[in-house]
Amino acid sequence: MRDEQMANPGSAPPPSPASAPSSASAPPPAPARPLDTVDRAILRMLQNDGRASIRSVAERVHVSRANAYARINRLIDDGVIRGFSALIDQERAGQGASAYITLKIVQNSWRTVRSQLTALPGASHIALVSGDFDVLLLVHTKDNRELRELVLTRIQSIPEVLSTRTLLVFEETELGQEEE
């Protein structure tokens, strides 16, 4: 990983051959290499502080800087680390209402629905799931009025969406993050 990438976590690492678009005849990806305790310690540290320097990572996990650098690059190349991002306090960012929305959709319409949900303002996480509903969507909006508008006019107008259920979020806790 380049030092510029560590200093600028918003920039994505350069695409690796493994992340390049695959053709229909491309071989399946190689199985992931097992992670050892040092790899897991590096991952925990970067989850807590994606801007940590190579030097501080090496010191905290008790390896040389060259070893830390090589391990982080391997984790990126293997697709274990997919990028670096900032954690956003949605309320402080003006998004005071959050909700999980469950959707039942027409069979075999996942790709179509996913592309439409991805374009929604405030969509934060989309998952295809099993159970009583098909899709779980996390959204953040300015207030309940904006949430209502999003659900009733945008989501329910998608032809492949059969029904929705909205679950308001009262409080959130990020797991895996050290308290400051």
N, C-alpha and C. Protein backbone atom coordinates (compact mmCIF):
# COMPACT_ATOMS: atom_id res chain seq x y z
N MET A 1 0.84 -1.16 0.00
CA MET A 1 0.00 0.00 0.00
C MET A 1 0.89 1.22 0.00
N ARG A 2 0.56 2.21 -0.81
CA ARG A 2 1.34 3.42 -0.87
C ARG A 2 1.10 4.25 0.38
N ASP A 3 2.13 5.03 0.78
CA ASP A 3 1.98 5.91 1.94
C ASP A 3 0.88 6.94 1.69
N GLU A 4 0.71 7.38 0.42
CA GLU A 4 -0.34 8.35 0.13
C GLU A 4 -1.71 7.76 0.43
N GLN A 5 -1.87 6.47 0.21
CA GLN A 5 -3.16 5.84 0.49
C GLN A 5 -3.41 5.78 1.99
N MET A 6 -2.38 5.51 2.77
CA MET A 6 -2.56 5.49 4.22
C MET A 6 -2.93 6.88 4.71
N ALA A 7 -2.32 7.93 4.11
CA ALA A 7 -2.60 9.29 4.54
C ALA A 7 -3.93 9.78 4.02
N ASN A 8 -4.43 9.19 2.94
CA ASN A 8 -5.69 9.62 2.34
C ASN A 8 -6.60 8.42 2.23
N PRO A 9 -7.31 8.08 3.35
CA PRO A 9 -8.09 6.85 3.35
C PRO A 9 -9.26 6.86 2.40
N GLY A 10 -9.68 8.01 1.90
CA GLY A 10 -10.82 8.05 0.99
C GLY A 10 -10.49 7.55 -0.39
N SER A 11 -9.19 7.47 -0.70
CA SER A 11 -8.83 7.01 -2.03
C SER A 11 -8.77 5.50 -2.05
N ALA A 12 -9.27 4.95 -3.09
CA ALA A 12 -9.29 3.49 -3.20
C ALA A 12 -7.93 3.00 -3.64
N PRO A 13 -7.55 1.80 -3.22
CA PRO A 13 -6.28 1.25 -3.67
C PRO A 13 -6.37 0.96 -5.16
N PRO A 14 -5.22 0.91 -5.84
CA PRO A 14 -5.27 0.61 -7.27
C PRO A 14 -5.89 -0.76 -7.50
N PRO A 15 -6.64 -0.91 -8.58
CA PRO A 15 -7.28 -2.20 -8.82
C PRO A 15 -6.24 -3.28 -9.01
N SER A 16 -6.49 -4.41 -8.42
CA SER A 16 -5.59 -5.55 -8.58
C SER A 16 -6.17 -6.44 -9.66
N PRO A 17 -5.36 -7.33 -10.20
CA PRO A 17 -5.89 -8.23 -11.22
C PRO A 17 -7.09 -9.01 -10.72
N ALA A 18 -7.14 -9.32 -9.41
CA ALA A 18 -8.25 -10.09 -8.87
C ALA A 18 -9.54 -9.29 -8.88
N SER A 19 -9.44 -7.92 -8.86
CA SER A 19 -10.66 -7.12 -8.81
C SER A 19 -11.09 -6.65 -10.19
N ALA A 20 -10.32 -6.99 -11.23
CA ALA A 20 -10.69 -6.60 -12.57
C ALA A 20 -11.94 -7.35 -12.99
N PRO A 21 -12.74 -6.73 -13.86
CA PRO A 21 -13.95 -7.41 -14.32
C PRO A 21 -13.58 -8.75 -14.93
N SER A 22 -14.37 -9.76 -14.62
CA SER A 22 -14.07 -11.09 -15.13
C SER A 22 -14.92 -11.39 -16.35
N SER A 23 -14.36 -12.17 -17.23
CA SER A 23 -15.13 -12.60 -18.39
C SER A 23 -15.79 -13.93 -18.06
N ALA A 24 -16.64 -14.38 -18.95
CA ALA A 24 -17.39 -15.62 -18.71
C ALA A 24 -16.46 -16.82 -18.61
N SER A 25 -15.27 -16.76 -19.29
CA SER A 25 -14.38 -17.90 -19.28
C SER A 25 -13.28 -17.78 -18.23
N ALA A 26 -13.31 -16.75 -17.41
CA ALA A 26 -12.27 -16.56 -16.40
C ALA A 26 -12.35 -17.66 -15.35
N PRO A 27 -11.19 -18.11 -14.88
CA PRO A 27 -11.20 -19.15 -13.85
C PRO A 27 -11.74 -18.59 -12.54
N PRO A 28 -12.28 -19.45 -11.68
CA PRO A 28 -12.80 -18.96 -10.40
C PRO A 28 -11.65 -18.38 -9.56
N PRO A 29 -11.97 -17.43 -8.67
CA PRO A 29 -10.91 -16.82 -7.86
C PRO A 29 -10.25 -17.87 -6.98
N ALA A 30 -8.97 -17.63 -6.71
CA ALA A 30 -8.22 -18.55 -5.84
C ALA A 30 -8.80 -18.49 -4.44
N PRO A 31 -8.77 -19.61 -3.73
CA PRO A 31 -9.29 -19.59 -2.36
C PRO A 31 -8.47 -18.64 -1.50
N ALA A 32 -9.13 -18.02 -0.55
CA ALA A 32 -8.45 -17.07 0.33
C ALA A 32 -7.42 -17.77 1.19
N ARG A 33 -6.30 -17.10 1.38
CA ARG A 33 -5.27 -17.64 2.27
C ARG A 33 -5.76 -17.49 3.70
N PRO A 34 -5.42 -18.44 4.56
CA PRO A 34 -5.84 -18.31 5.96
C PRO A 34 -5.14 -17.13 6.62
N LEU A 35 -5.84 -16.48 7.53
CA LEU A 35 -5.28 -15.34 8.27
C LEU A 35 -4.70 -15.83 9.58
N ASP A 36 -3.52 -15.34 9.92
CA ASP A 36 -2.94 -15.70 11.21
C ASP A 36 -3.25 -14.61 12.24
N THR A 37 -2.74 -14.76 13.44
CA THR A 37 -3.06 -13.81 14.51
C THR A 37 -2.54 -12.41 14.20
N VAL A 38 -1.41 -12.30 13.52
CA VAL A 38 -0.88 -10.98 13.17
C VAL A 38 -1.78 -10.31 12.14
N ASP A 39 -2.23 -11.06 11.12
CA ASP A 39 -3.16 -10.51 10.13
C ASP A 39 -4.43 -10.01 10.81
N ARG A 40 -4.96 -10.81 11.72
CA ARG A 40 -6.20 -10.41 12.41
C ARG A 40 -5.98 -9.17 13.28
N ALA A 41 -4.82 -9.07 13.90
CA ALA A 41 -4.51 -7.88 14.71
C ALA A 41 -4.40 -6.65 13.81
N ILE A 42 -3.80 -6.80 12.64
CA ILE A 42 -3.70 -5.69 11.70
C ILE A 42 -5.09 -5.26 11.25
N LEU A 43 -5.95 -6.22 10.94
CA LEU A 43 -7.31 -5.89 10.51
C LEU A 43 -8.08 -5.16 11.60
N ARG A 44 -7.97 -5.63 12.86
CA ARG A 44 -8.64 -4.94 13.97
C ARG A 44 -8.15 -3.51 14.10
N MET A 45 -6.84 -3.35 14.01
CA MET A 45 -6.27 -2.01 14.14
C MET A 45 -6.76 -1.09 13.02
N LEU A 46 -6.75 -1.58 11.79
CA LEU A 46 -7.20 -0.74 10.67
C LEU A 46 -8.70 -0.49 10.70
N GLN A 47 -9.48 -1.41 11.28
CA GLN A 47 -10.92 -1.15 11.44
C GLN A 47 -11.13 0.00 12.41
N ASN A 48 -10.31 0.07 13.44
CA ASN A 48 -10.44 1.13 14.43
C ASN A 48 -9.84 2.44 13.96
N ASP A 49 -8.79 2.37 13.13
CA ASP A 49 -8.14 3.57 12.63
C ASP A 49 -7.58 3.29 11.25
N GLY A 50 -8.39 3.52 10.23
CA GLY A 50 -7.97 3.27 8.86
C GLY A 50 -6.86 4.18 8.39
N ARG A 51 -6.55 5.23 9.17
CA ARG A 51 -5.48 6.16 8.81
C ARG A 51 -4.18 5.84 9.53
N ALA A 52 -4.12 4.73 10.23
CA ALA A 52 -2.91 4.37 10.97
C ALA A 52 -1.73 4.23 10.01
N SER A 53 -0.58 4.71 10.43
CA SER A 53 0.62 4.61 9.60
C SER A 53 1.17 3.19 9.65
N ILE A 54 1.96 2.86 8.65
CA ILE A 54 2.62 1.55 8.62
C ILE A 54 3.46 1.38 9.89
N ARG A 55 4.15 2.43 10.27
CA ARG A 55 5.00 2.37 11.46
C ARG A 55 4.20 2.03 12.71
N SER A 56 3.06 2.71 12.90
CA SER A 56 2.27 2.43 14.11
C SER A 56 1.65 1.04 14.06
N VAL A 57 1.25 0.58 12.89
CA VAL A 57 0.72 -0.78 12.75
C VAL A 57 1.81 -1.77 13.14
N ALA A 58 3.01 -1.58 12.59
CA ALA A 58 4.12 -2.50 12.87
C ALA A 58 4.43 -2.54 14.37
N GLU A 59 4.46 -1.38 15.01
CA GLU A 59 4.76 -1.32 16.45
C GLU A 59 3.69 -2.03 17.27
N ARG A 60 2.43 -1.79 16.93
CA ARG A 60 1.35 -2.36 17.74
C ARG A 60 1.20 -3.86 17.58
N VAL A 61 1.56 -4.39 16.41
CA VAL A 61 1.43 -5.85 16.21
C VAL A 61 2.77 -6.56 16.32
N HIS A 62 3.81 -5.80 16.65
CA HIS A 62 5.14 -6.36 16.94
C HIS A 62 5.77 -7.07 15.75
N VAL A 63 5.77 -6.40 14.58
CA VAL A 63 6.47 -6.89 13.41
C VAL A 63 7.26 -5.72 12.82
N SER A 64 8.15 -6.01 11.88
CA SER A 64 8.92 -4.95 11.24
C SER A 64 7.99 -4.14 10.32
N ARG A 65 8.45 -2.93 9.96
CA ARG A 65 7.65 -2.10 9.04
C ARG A 65 7.50 -2.80 7.69
N ALA A 66 8.57 -3.44 7.24
CA ALA A 66 8.51 -4.15 5.94
C ALA A 66 7.48 -5.28 6.00
N ASN A 67 7.45 -6.00 7.12
CA ASN A 67 6.50 -7.10 7.28
C ASN A 67 5.07 -6.54 7.31
N ALA A 68 4.84 -5.47 8.07
CA ALA A 68 3.51 -4.86 8.14
C ALA A 68 3.07 -4.38 6.76
N TYR A 69 3.97 -3.72 6.05
CA TYR A 69 3.68 -3.21 4.70
C TYR A 69 3.30 -4.37 3.78
N ALA A 70 4.09 -5.44 3.80
CA ALA A 70 3.82 -6.60 2.94
C ALA A 70 2.49 -7.26 3.30
N ARG A 71 2.21 -7.39 4.59
CA ARG A 71 0.95 -8.02 5.01
C ARG A 71 -0.25 -7.18 4.59
N ILE A 72 -0.18 -5.87 4.76
CA ILE A 72 -1.31 -5.02 4.37
C ILE A 72 -1.52 -5.09 2.86
N ASN A 73 -0.43 -5.04 2.09
CA ASN A 73 -0.57 -5.18 0.63
C ASN A 73 -1.18 -6.52 0.25
N ARG A 74 -0.76 -7.61 0.93
CA ARG A 74 -1.33 -8.92 0.64
C ARG A 74 -2.82 -8.95 0.97
N LEU A 75 -3.20 -8.34 2.09
CA LEU A 75 -4.62 -8.30 2.47
C LEU A 75 -5.43 -7.51 1.45
N ILE A 76 -4.84 -6.46 0.90
CA ILE A 76 -5.52 -5.69 -0.16
C ILE A 76 -5.59 -6.52 -1.44
N ASP A 77 -4.46 -7.09 -1.85
CA ASP A 77 -4.42 -7.88 -3.09
C ASP A 77 -5.35 -9.09 -3.03
N ASP A 78 -5.48 -9.69 -1.84
CA ASP A 78 -6.36 -10.85 -1.68
C ASP A 78 -7.84 -10.46 -1.56
N GLY A 79 -8.11 -9.16 -1.50
CA GLY A 79 -9.50 -8.70 -1.39
C GLY A 79 -10.05 -8.74 0.01
N VAL A 80 -9.20 -9.02 1.02
CA VAL A 80 -9.67 -9.01 2.40
C VAL A 80 -9.97 -7.58 2.82
N ILE A 81 -9.05 -6.66 2.51
CA ILE A 81 -9.29 -5.23 2.72
C ILE A 81 -9.80 -4.69 1.39
N ARG A 82 -11.04 -4.20 1.40
CA ARG A 82 -11.66 -3.71 0.17
C ARG A 82 -11.54 -2.21 0.00
N GLY A 83 -11.08 -1.52 1.03
CA GLY A 83 -10.94 -0.07 0.94
C GLY A 83 -10.90 0.53 2.33
N PHE A 84 -10.82 1.84 2.37
CA PHE A 84 -10.77 2.58 3.62
C PHE A 84 -11.85 3.65 3.55
N SER A 85 -12.54 3.86 4.68
CA SER A 85 -13.61 4.85 4.66
C SER A 85 -13.73 5.52 6.02
N ALA A 86 -14.52 6.58 6.04
CA ALA A 86 -14.77 7.32 7.27
C ALA A 86 -16.08 6.85 7.89
N LEU A 87 -16.14 6.82 9.21
CA LEU A 87 -17.39 6.52 9.92
C LEU A 87 -18.13 7.84 10.12
N ILE A 88 -19.38 7.88 9.73
CA ILE A 88 -20.16 9.11 9.75
C ILE A 88 -21.17 9.06 10.89
N ASP A 89 -21.24 10.11 11.68
CA ASP A 89 -22.31 10.28 12.66
C ASP A 89 -23.48 10.88 11.89
N GLN A 90 -24.48 10.06 11.58
CA GLN A 90 -25.58 10.49 10.71
C GLN A 90 -26.35 11.68 11.28
N GLU A 91 -26.57 11.69 12.59
CA GLU A 91 -27.30 12.82 13.18
C GLU A 91 -26.54 14.12 13.01
N ARG A 92 -25.25 14.09 13.30
CA ARG A 92 -24.42 15.30 13.17
C ARG A 92 -24.30 15.73 11.71
N ALA A 93 -24.49 14.80 10.79
CA ALA A 93 -24.44 15.10 9.37
C ALA A 93 -25.81 15.53 8.83
N GLY A 94 -26.78 15.74 9.73
CA GLY A 94 -28.09 16.23 9.32
C GLY A 94 -29.06 15.15 8.91
N GLN A 95 -28.74 13.90 9.21
CA GLN A 95 -29.62 12.78 8.87
C GLN A 95 -30.18 12.20 10.16
N GLY A 96 -31.19 12.85 10.74
CA GLY A 96 -31.70 12.50 12.06
C GLY A 96 -32.63 11.29 12.12
N ALA A 97 -33.10 10.82 10.98
CA ALA A 97 -34.00 9.66 10.97
C ALA A 97 -33.33 8.51 10.22
N SER A 98 -33.26 7.35 10.87
CA SER A 98 -32.72 6.16 10.24
C SER A 98 -33.74 5.05 10.34
N ALA A 99 -33.76 4.17 9.34
CA ALA A 99 -34.72 3.07 9.36
C ALA A 99 -34.19 1.91 8.55
N TYR A 100 -34.55 0.72 8.99
CA TYR A 100 -34.36 -0.48 8.19
C TYR A 100 -35.69 -0.70 7.49
N ILE A 101 -35.64 -0.93 6.20
CA ILE A 101 -36.85 -1.18 5.42
C ILE A 101 -36.72 -2.58 4.84
N THR A 102 -37.72 -3.42 5.13
CA THR A 102 -37.73 -4.75 4.55
C THR A 102 -38.61 -4.71 3.31
N LEU A 103 -38.20 -5.44 2.29
CA LEU A 103 -38.94 -5.46 1.04
C LEU A 103 -39.17 -6.88 0.59
N LYS A 104 -40.37 -7.13 0.12
CA LYS A 104 -40.66 -8.36 -0.63
C LYS A 104 -40.66 -7.94 -2.08
N ILE A 105 -39.93 -8.72 -2.90
CA ILE A 105 -39.80 -8.34 -4.31
C ILE A 105 -40.20 -9.50 -5.22
N VAL A 106 -40.45 -9.18 -6.48
CA VAL A 106 -40.79 -10.18 -7.48
C VAL A 106 -39.60 -11.12 -7.63
N GLN A 107 -39.90 -12.42 -7.74
CA GLN A 107 -38.85 -13.42 -7.89
C GLN A 107 -37.95 -13.09 -9.07
N ASN A 108 -36.65 -13.27 -8.90
CA ASN A 108 -35.63 -13.04 -9.93
C ASN A 108 -35.48 -11.58 -10.35
N SER A 109 -35.87 -10.63 -9.48
CA SER A 109 -35.74 -9.22 -9.83
C SER A 109 -34.67 -8.51 -8.99
N TRP A 110 -33.85 -9.27 -8.26
CA TRP A 110 -32.86 -8.69 -7.35
C TRP A 110 -31.95 -7.66 -8.04
N ARG A 111 -31.39 -7.99 -9.17
CA ARG A 111 -30.44 -7.07 -9.81
C ARG A 111 -31.11 -5.76 -10.22
N THR A 112 -32.31 -5.84 -10.72
CA THR A 112 -33.06 -4.64 -11.12
C THR A 112 -33.39 -3.80 -9.90
N VAL A 113 -33.90 -4.44 -8.85
CA VAL A 113 -34.27 -3.72 -7.63
C VAL A 113 -33.04 -3.13 -6.98
N ARG A 114 -31.95 -3.90 -6.91
CA ARG A 114 -30.72 -3.41 -6.28
C ARG A 114 -30.24 -2.14 -6.97
N SER A 115 -30.25 -2.10 -8.29
CA SER A 115 -29.76 -0.92 -9.00
C SER A 115 -30.63 0.30 -8.71
N GLN A 116 -31.93 0.10 -8.54
CA GLN A 116 -32.83 1.21 -8.23
C GLN A 116 -32.67 1.67 -6.78
N LEU A 117 -32.48 0.72 -5.86
CA LEU A 117 -32.29 1.09 -4.45
C LEU A 117 -30.96 1.80 -4.23
N THR A 118 -29.94 1.39 -4.96
CA THR A 118 -28.63 2.01 -4.84
C THR A 118 -28.69 3.50 -5.18
N ALA A 119 -29.58 3.87 -6.08
CA ALA A 119 -29.70 5.26 -6.51
C ALA A 119 -30.51 6.12 -5.54
N LEU A 120 -31.12 5.52 -4.53
CA LEU A 120 -31.95 6.29 -3.59
C LEU A 120 -31.09 7.19 -2.71
N PRO A 121 -31.55 8.40 -2.46
CA PRO A 121 -30.81 9.26 -1.53
C PRO A 121 -30.90 8.68 -0.12
N GLY A 122 -29.77 8.62 0.56
CA GLY A 122 -29.75 8.12 1.94
C GLY A 122 -29.62 6.63 2.09
N ALA A 123 -29.61 5.87 0.98
CA ALA A 123 -29.43 4.41 1.08
C ALA A 123 -28.01 4.14 1.55
N SER A 124 -27.89 3.35 2.62
CA SER A 124 -26.59 3.12 3.23
C SER A 124 -26.13 1.67 3.12
N HIS A 125 -27.07 0.74 3.13
CA HIS A 125 -26.73 -0.68 3.08
C HIS A 125 -27.91 -1.43 2.47
N ILE A 126 -27.59 -2.33 1.55
CA ILE A 126 -28.62 -3.14 0.89
C ILE A 126 -28.16 -4.58 0.93
N ALA A 127 -29.06 -5.48 1.35
CA ALA A 127 -28.70 -6.90 1.42
C ALA A 127 -29.86 -7.76 0.92
N LEU A 128 -29.52 -8.76 0.13
CA LEU A 128 -30.46 -9.81 -0.26
C LEU A 128 -30.42 -10.84 0.85
N VAL A 129 -31.56 -11.15 1.44
CA VAL A 129 -31.60 -12.03 2.61
C VAL A 129 -32.63 -13.14 2.42
N SER A 130 -32.60 -14.09 3.34
CA SER A 130 -33.60 -15.15 3.33
C SER A 130 -34.58 -14.89 4.46
N GLY A 131 -35.73 -15.53 4.41
CA GLY A 131 -36.70 -15.39 5.49
C GLY A 131 -38.02 -14.84 4.99
N ASP A 132 -38.68 -14.07 5.85
CA ASP A 132 -40.01 -13.56 5.54
C ASP A 132 -40.00 -12.43 4.52
N PHE A 133 -38.86 -11.85 4.25
CA PHE A 133 -38.73 -10.79 3.25
C PHE A 133 -37.47 -11.07 2.44
N ASP A 134 -37.28 -10.31 1.36
CA ASP A 134 -36.19 -10.59 0.43
C ASP A 134 -35.01 -9.64 0.54
N VAL A 135 -35.29 -8.38 0.87
CA VAL A 135 -34.26 -7.34 0.87
C VAL A 135 -34.33 -6.58 2.19
N LEU A 136 -33.16 -6.26 2.72
CA LEU A 136 -33.05 -5.41 3.90
C LEU A 136 -32.28 -4.16 3.47
N LEU A 137 -32.89 -3.01 3.68
CA LEU A 137 -32.34 -1.73 3.24
C LEU A 137 -32.21 -0.81 4.44
N LEU A 138 -31.03 -0.22 4.64
CA LEU A 138 -30.82 0.77 5.69
C LEU A 138 -30.76 2.13 5.03
N VAL A 139 -31.58 3.07 5.52
CA VAL A 139 -31.59 4.43 4.97
C VAL A 139 -31.44 5.44 6.09
N HIS A 140 -30.89 6.60 5.73
CA HIS A 140 -30.76 7.74 6.64
C HIS A 140 -31.38 8.94 5.93
N THR A 141 -32.31 9.61 6.60
CA THR A 141 -32.96 10.79 6.02
C THR A 141 -32.94 11.93 7.04
N LYS A 142 -33.26 13.12 6.56
CA LYS A 142 -33.26 14.31 7.41
C LYS A 142 -34.24 14.17 8.57
N ASP A 143 -35.43 13.67 8.28
CA ASP A 143 -36.46 13.55 9.31
C ASP A 143 -37.50 12.51 8.87
N ASN A 144 -38.51 12.30 9.71
CA ASN A 144 -39.53 11.28 9.40
C ASN A 144 -40.36 11.65 8.17
N ARG A 145 -40.56 12.92 7.93
CA ARG A 145 -41.31 13.34 6.74
C ARG A 145 -40.57 12.92 5.47
N GLU A 146 -39.26 13.12 5.46
CA GLU A 146 -38.44 12.71 4.31
C GLU A 146 -38.41 11.18 4.18
N LEU A 147 -38.38 10.49 5.33
CA LEU A 147 -38.41 9.02 5.32
C LEU A 147 -39.73 8.53 4.73
N ARG A 148 -40.82 9.13 5.16
CA ARG A 148 -42.14 8.75 4.64
C ARG A 148 -42.20 8.94 3.13
N GLU A 149 -41.70 10.07 2.66
CA GLU A 149 -41.68 10.36 1.23
C GLU A 149 -40.84 9.32 0.47
N LEU A 150 -39.70 8.98 1.02
CA LEU A 150 -38.81 7.99 0.40
C LEU A 150 -39.52 6.64 0.26
N VAL A 151 -40.17 6.20 1.33
CA VAL A 151 -40.82 4.88 1.32
C VAL A 151 -42.06 4.89 0.42
N LEU A 152 -42.93 5.86 0.64
CA LEU A 152 -44.22 5.84 -0.06
C LEU A 152 -44.15 6.23 -1.53
N THR A 153 -43.25 7.13 -1.89
CA THR A 153 -43.23 7.56 -3.29
C THR A 153 -42.09 6.97 -4.10
N ARG A 154 -40.95 6.73 -3.48
CA ARG A 154 -39.81 6.23 -4.26
C ARG A 154 -39.74 4.70 -4.24
N ILE A 155 -39.73 4.11 -3.04
CA ILE A 155 -39.53 2.65 -2.96
C ILE A 155 -40.77 1.90 -3.42
N GLN A 156 -41.94 2.31 -2.93
CA GLN A 156 -43.16 1.59 -3.29
C GLN A 156 -43.57 1.81 -4.75
N SER A 157 -42.94 2.75 -5.44
CA SER A 157 -43.25 2.94 -6.86
C SER A 157 -42.38 2.06 -7.76
N ILE A 158 -41.43 1.35 -7.19
CA ILE A 158 -40.63 0.41 -7.98
C ILE A 158 -41.52 -0.79 -8.30
N PRO A 159 -41.76 -1.07 -9.58
CA PRO A 159 -42.73 -2.11 -9.96
C PRO A 159 -42.44 -3.49 -9.35
N GLU A 160 -41.17 -3.85 -9.16
CA GLU A 160 -40.82 -5.18 -8.65
C GLU A 160 -40.96 -5.29 -7.13
N VAL A 161 -41.23 -4.18 -6.44
CA VAL A 161 -41.41 -4.22 -4.99
C VAL A 161 -42.87 -4.54 -4.69
N LEU A 162 -43.08 -5.69 -4.02
CA LEU A 162 -44.44 -6.13 -3.71
C LEU A 162 -44.96 -5.52 -2.41
N SER A 163 -44.07 -5.40 -1.41
CA SER A 163 -44.48 -4.80 -0.13
C SER A 163 -43.25 -4.34 0.63
N THR A 164 -43.50 -3.44 1.59
CA THR A 164 -42.42 -2.93 2.44
C THR A 164 -42.88 -2.90 3.89
N ARG A 165 -41.91 -2.92 4.78
CA ARG A 165 -42.17 -2.71 6.20
C ARG A 165 -41.02 -1.85 6.70
N THR A 166 -41.34 -0.79 7.44
CA THR A 166 -40.32 0.15 7.92
C THR A 166 -40.12 -0.01 9.41
N LEU A 167 -38.85 -0.17 9.80
CA LEU A 167 -38.47 -0.31 11.21
C LEU A 167 -37.60 0.89 11.58
N LEU A 168 -38.12 1.79 12.42
CA LEU A 168 -37.35 2.97 12.82
C LEU A 168 -36.20 2.58 13.73
N VAL A 169 -35.07 3.23 13.55
CA VAL A 169 -33.89 3.01 14.40
C VAL A 169 -33.91 4.10 15.48
N PHE A 170 -33.91 3.69 16.73
CA PHE A 170 -33.88 4.65 17.83
C PHE A 170 -32.47 4.97 18.28
N GLU A 171 -31.58 3.98 18.20
CA GLU A 171 -30.20 4.17 18.62
C GLU A 171 -29.32 3.16 17.90
N GLU A 172 -28.11 3.57 17.52
CA GLU A 172 -27.19 2.68 16.83
C GLU A 172 -25.87 2.59 17.58
N THR A 173 -25.23 1.44 17.49
CA THR A 173 -23.90 1.23 18.05
C THR A 173 -23.06 0.53 17.01
N GLU A 174 -21.93 1.15 16.63
CA GLU A 174 -21.00 0.51 15.69
C GLU A 174 -20.19 -0.53 16.43
N LEU A 175 -20.20 -1.75 15.96
CA LEU A 175 -19.41 -2.81 16.56
C LEU A 175 -18.01 -2.83 15.97
N GLY A 176 -17.05 -3.25 16.76
CA GLY A 176 -15.69 -3.36 16.27
C GLY A 176 -14.93 -2.05 16.31
N GLN A 177 -15.53 -1.02 16.86
CA GLN A 177 -14.85 0.26 16.94
C GLN A 177 -14.52 0.56 18.40
N GLU A 178 -13.27 0.99 18.64
CA GLU A 178 -12.88 1.33 20.01
C GLU A 178 -13.56 2.65 20.39
N GLU A 179 -14.05 2.71 21.63
CA GLU A 179 -14.63 3.94 22.15
C GLU A 179 -13.53 4.95 22.37
N GLU A 180 -13.80 6.21 22.02
CA GLU A 180 -12.79 7.25 22.25
C GLU A 180 -13.13 8.03 23.49
